[in-house]
Amino acid sequence: MADQIAPLESEQVDPFSLFSEQIRIPVRGLAFIGHIEKDVEFCGHTFTLRTLYPSEKAAVSLVVQPWRGSISEGEVWANAQVALSLTTVDGDGDFCKATGPDLNDFAKARLNYVQKWYQPTLSYLYARYLELEQEALSGIRELQDFSERNRVPSQPLPDSLTVQDTLGAPIASDIQP
């Protein structure tokens, strides 16, 4: 065992290269830090959104309590998720001052901050947040599929080694330039 030489760095395969291009970034984000961030452009402003931790989603459920049973409950729920998923607004990470270490107080302060925005902006950001969550779920599925796959290359089936009958249609080797 001590005689084995580790493969050169240039010979090592980047495991993320095994994933499709559209899913690589979500998978990379989930594998390293458990979240995905994305910049969203809207009406001349840049917002950075990220997926939420379970504790933040729980804080959302508490902060919307005053609106339970009202016609605006769903909208406030969506707005609170946007509020907590925001990390920067136009590059400013301190767009809403922290109110202390308590997550529920922080969630309340963030909701109060975004409630001053117009609903079309919040609705647009919520749709982008849901897309981000969907990317995260797709990344998790891809990781799960990858971890369950048999990594030993499969052998072709015997009938796949023969040319299938194409009902007399010419095959590529029959066509002369």
Protein backbone atom coordinates (compact mmCIF):
# COMPACT_ATOMS: atom_id res chain seq x y z
CA MET A 1 0.00 0.00 0.00
CA ALA A 2 2.79 2.44 0.82
CA ASP A 3 4.22 1.81 -2.66
CA GLN A 4 1.12 3.16 -4.39
CA ILE A 5 1.51 6.54 -5.96
CA ALA A 6 -1.39 8.96 -5.91
CA PRO A 7 -2.58 9.94 -9.38
CA LEU A 8 -1.24 13.20 -10.70
CA GLU A 9 -3.57 16.11 -10.25
CA SER A 10 -3.94 16.38 -14.03
CA GLU A 11 -5.08 12.72 -14.12
CA GLN A 12 -7.74 13.12 -11.44
CA VAL A 13 -11.33 13.46 -12.58
CA ASP A 14 -13.31 16.38 -11.23
CA PRO A 15 -16.39 14.59 -9.85
CA PHE A 16 -18.55 17.61 -10.70
CA SER A 17 -17.70 17.18 -14.39
CA LEU A 18 -19.82 14.02 -14.27
CA PHE A 19 -22.97 16.10 -13.80
CA SER A 20 -24.84 17.85 -16.59
CA GLU A 21 -24.00 21.52 -17.10
CA GLN A 22 -27.41 22.75 -15.91
CA ILE A 23 -27.18 20.87 -12.61
CA ARG A 24 -23.44 21.23 -11.87
CA ILE A 25 -23.66 24.53 -9.95
CA PRO A 26 -26.54 23.42 -7.70
CA VAL A 27 -24.75 20.13 -7.00
CA ARG A 28 -21.47 21.91 -6.23
CA GLY A 29 -23.25 24.30 -3.89
CA LEU A 30 -25.05 21.50 -2.07
CA ALA A 31 -21.93 19.38 -1.77
CA PHE A 32 -19.78 22.10 -0.22
CA ILE A 33 -21.93 24.35 1.88
CA GLY A 34 -25.50 23.14 1.63
CA HIS A 35 -26.97 26.13 -0.08
CA ILE A 36 -27.23 27.82 -3.44
CA GLU A 37 -27.00 31.56 -4.09
CA LYS A 38 -27.97 33.42 -7.21
CA ASP A 39 -27.99 37.03 -8.35
CA VAL A 40 -31.30 38.22 -9.74
CA GLU A 41 -31.64 41.36 -11.87
CA PHE A 42 -34.97 43.19 -11.70
CA CYS A 43 -35.83 46.71 -12.84
CA GLY A 44 -32.26 47.96 -12.60
CA HIS A 45 -31.57 46.39 -9.20
CA THR A 46 -29.56 43.32 -8.25
CA PHE A 47 -30.77 41.00 -5.50
CA THR A 48 -28.83 38.02 -4.20
CA LEU A 49 -31.09 35.18 -3.09
CA ARG A 50 -30.15 31.94 -1.38
CA THR A 51 -31.90 28.82 -0.21
CA LEU A 52 -33.05 28.84 3.40
CA TYR A 53 -32.04 26.67 6.32
CA PRO A 54 -34.82 24.66 8.03
CA SER A 55 -34.59 26.93 11.08
CA GLU A 56 -35.21 29.96 8.87
CA LYS A 57 -38.25 28.29 7.32
CA ALA A 58 -39.52 27.62 10.84
CA ALA A 59 -38.98 31.28 11.72
CA VAL A 60 -41.11 32.20 8.70
CA SER A 61 -43.96 30.12 10.08
CA LEU A 62 -43.73 32.01 13.38
CA VAL A 63 -43.42 35.49 11.90
CA VAL A 64 -46.58 35.08 9.80
CA GLN A 65 -48.71 34.18 12.85
CA PRO A 66 -50.49 37.57 12.95
CA TRP A 67 -51.78 36.95 9.40
CA ARG A 68 -52.98 33.35 9.98
CA GLY A 69 -56.43 32.83 8.53
CA SER A 70 -56.43 36.15 6.69
CA ILE A 71 -56.67 36.61 2.96
CA SER A 72 -53.08 37.90 2.87
CA GLU A 73 -51.51 34.95 4.73
CA GLY A 74 -50.06 33.35 1.59
CA GLU A 75 -48.63 36.60 0.33
CA VAL A 76 -47.03 37.37 3.69
CA TRP A 77 -45.62 33.81 3.80
CA ALA A 78 -43.99 34.33 0.39
CA ASN A 79 -42.72 37.78 1.37
CA ALA A 80 -41.14 36.41 4.55
CA GLN A 81 -39.33 33.72 2.58
CA VAL A 82 -38.01 36.35 0.18
CA ALA A 83 -36.98 38.54 3.12
CA LEU A 84 -34.92 35.78 4.70
CA SER A 85 -33.47 34.52 1.43
CA LEU A 86 -32.05 37.94 0.51
CA THR A 87 -28.33 38.29 1.21
CA THR A 88 -27.67 41.52 -0.69
CA VAL A 89 -29.66 44.29 -2.33
CA ASP A 90 -27.65 46.18 -4.94
CA GLY A 91 -24.46 44.74 -3.45
CA ASP A 92 -25.28 45.90 0.09
CA GLY A 93 -25.24 43.06 2.61
CA ASP A 94 -26.33 45.41 5.41
CA PHE A 95 -29.55 46.50 3.70
CA CYS A 96 -31.47 45.54 6.83
CA LYS A 97 -29.71 45.96 10.15
CA ALA A 98 -29.67 42.92 12.42
CA THR A 99 -31.90 43.25 15.46
CA GLY A 100 -29.87 40.85 17.59
CA PRO A 101 -29.00 37.18 17.68
CA ASP A 102 -32.60 35.91 17.86
CA LEU A 103 -33.66 34.39 14.52
CA ASN A 104 -37.34 35.16 15.07
CA ASP A 105 -36.58 38.83 15.71
CA PHE A 106 -34.37 38.88 12.64
CA ALA A 107 -37.14 37.32 10.52
CA LYS A 108 -39.62 39.90 11.82
CA ALA A 109 -37.22 42.76 11.01
CA ARG A 110 -36.58 41.40 7.51
CA LEU A 111 -40.31 40.98 6.84
CA ASN A 112 -40.96 44.53 8.05
CA TYR A 113 -38.22 45.75 5.72
CA VAL A 114 -39.54 44.07 2.56
CA GLN A 115 -43.18 44.88 3.38
CA LYS A 116 -42.31 48.45 2.33
CA TRP A 117 -41.66 47.21 -1.22
CA TYR A 118 -44.39 46.89 -3.82
CA GLN A 119 -45.94 43.46 -4.26
CA PRO A 120 -44.93 42.95 -7.92
CA THR A 121 -41.26 43.17 -6.89
CA LEU A 122 -41.78 40.70 -4.06
CA SER A 123 -43.77 38.36 -6.30
CA TYR A 124 -41.00 38.39 -8.90
CA LEU A 125 -38.36 37.65 -6.26
CA TYR A 126 -40.50 34.89 -4.76
CA ALA A 127 -40.76 33.21 -8.16
CA ARG A 128 -36.95 33.36 -8.47
CA TYR A 129 -36.63 31.97 -4.92
CA LEU A 130 -38.88 29.03 -5.83
CA GLU A 131 -36.71 28.37 -8.90
CA LEU A 132 -33.67 28.34 -6.62
CA GLU A 133 -35.35 25.83 -4.31
CA GLN A 134 -36.20 23.69 -7.34
CA GLU A 135 -32.55 23.80 -8.44
CA ALA A 136 -31.56 22.64 -4.97
CA LEU A 137 -34.01 19.73 -5.15
CA SER A 138 -32.73 18.81 -8.61
CA GLY A 139 -29.20 18.90 -7.28
CA ILE A 140 -30.14 16.63 -4.38
CA ARG A 141 -31.81 14.17 -6.77
CA GLU A 142 -28.74 14.19 -9.01
CA LEU A 143 -26.48 13.54 -6.01
CA GLN A 144 -28.76 10.74 -4.87
CA ASP A 145 -28.79 9.17 -8.33
CA PHE A 146 -25.02 9.47 -8.54
CA SER A 147 -24.48 7.89 -5.11
CA GLU A 148 -26.79 4.97 -5.93
CA ARG A 149 -25.29 4.20 -9.34
CA ASN A 150 -23.00 1.29 -9.83
CA ARG A 151 -19.74 3.00 -10.71
CA VAL A 152 -18.38 -0.09 -12.49
CA PRO A 153 -18.80 0.44 -16.24
CA SER A 154 -21.63 -1.66 -17.56
CA GLN A 155 -21.06 -4.24 -20.25
CA PRO A 156 -23.08 -3.96 -23.47
CA LEU A 157 -25.84 -6.48 -23.98
CA PRO A 158 -24.99 -9.14 -26.60
CA ASP A 159 -27.71 -7.96 -28.98
CA SER A 160 -26.42 -4.39 -28.87
CA LEU A 161 -23.21 -5.52 -30.57
CA THR A 162 -25.02 -6.49 -33.76
CA VAL A 163 -26.39 -4.12 -36.37
CA GLN A 164 -30.13 -3.89 -36.06
CA ASP A 165 -32.21 -4.46 -39.19
CA THR A 166 -33.11 -1.09 -40.62
CA LEU A 167 -35.63 -2.50 -43.11
CA GLY A 168 -33.20 -2.15 -45.99
CA ALA A 169 -32.40 1.50 -45.29
CA PRO A 170 -28.75 2.34 -46.00
CA ILE A 171 -26.53 2.68 -42.94
CA ALA A 172 -23.72 5.20 -42.63
CA SER A 173 -21.04 2.73 -43.86
CA ASP A 174 -23.06 2.00 -47.03
CA ILE A 175 -23.21 5.64 -48.11
CA GLN A 176 -20.27 6.70 -50.29
CA PRO A 177 -19.24 10.34 -50.57
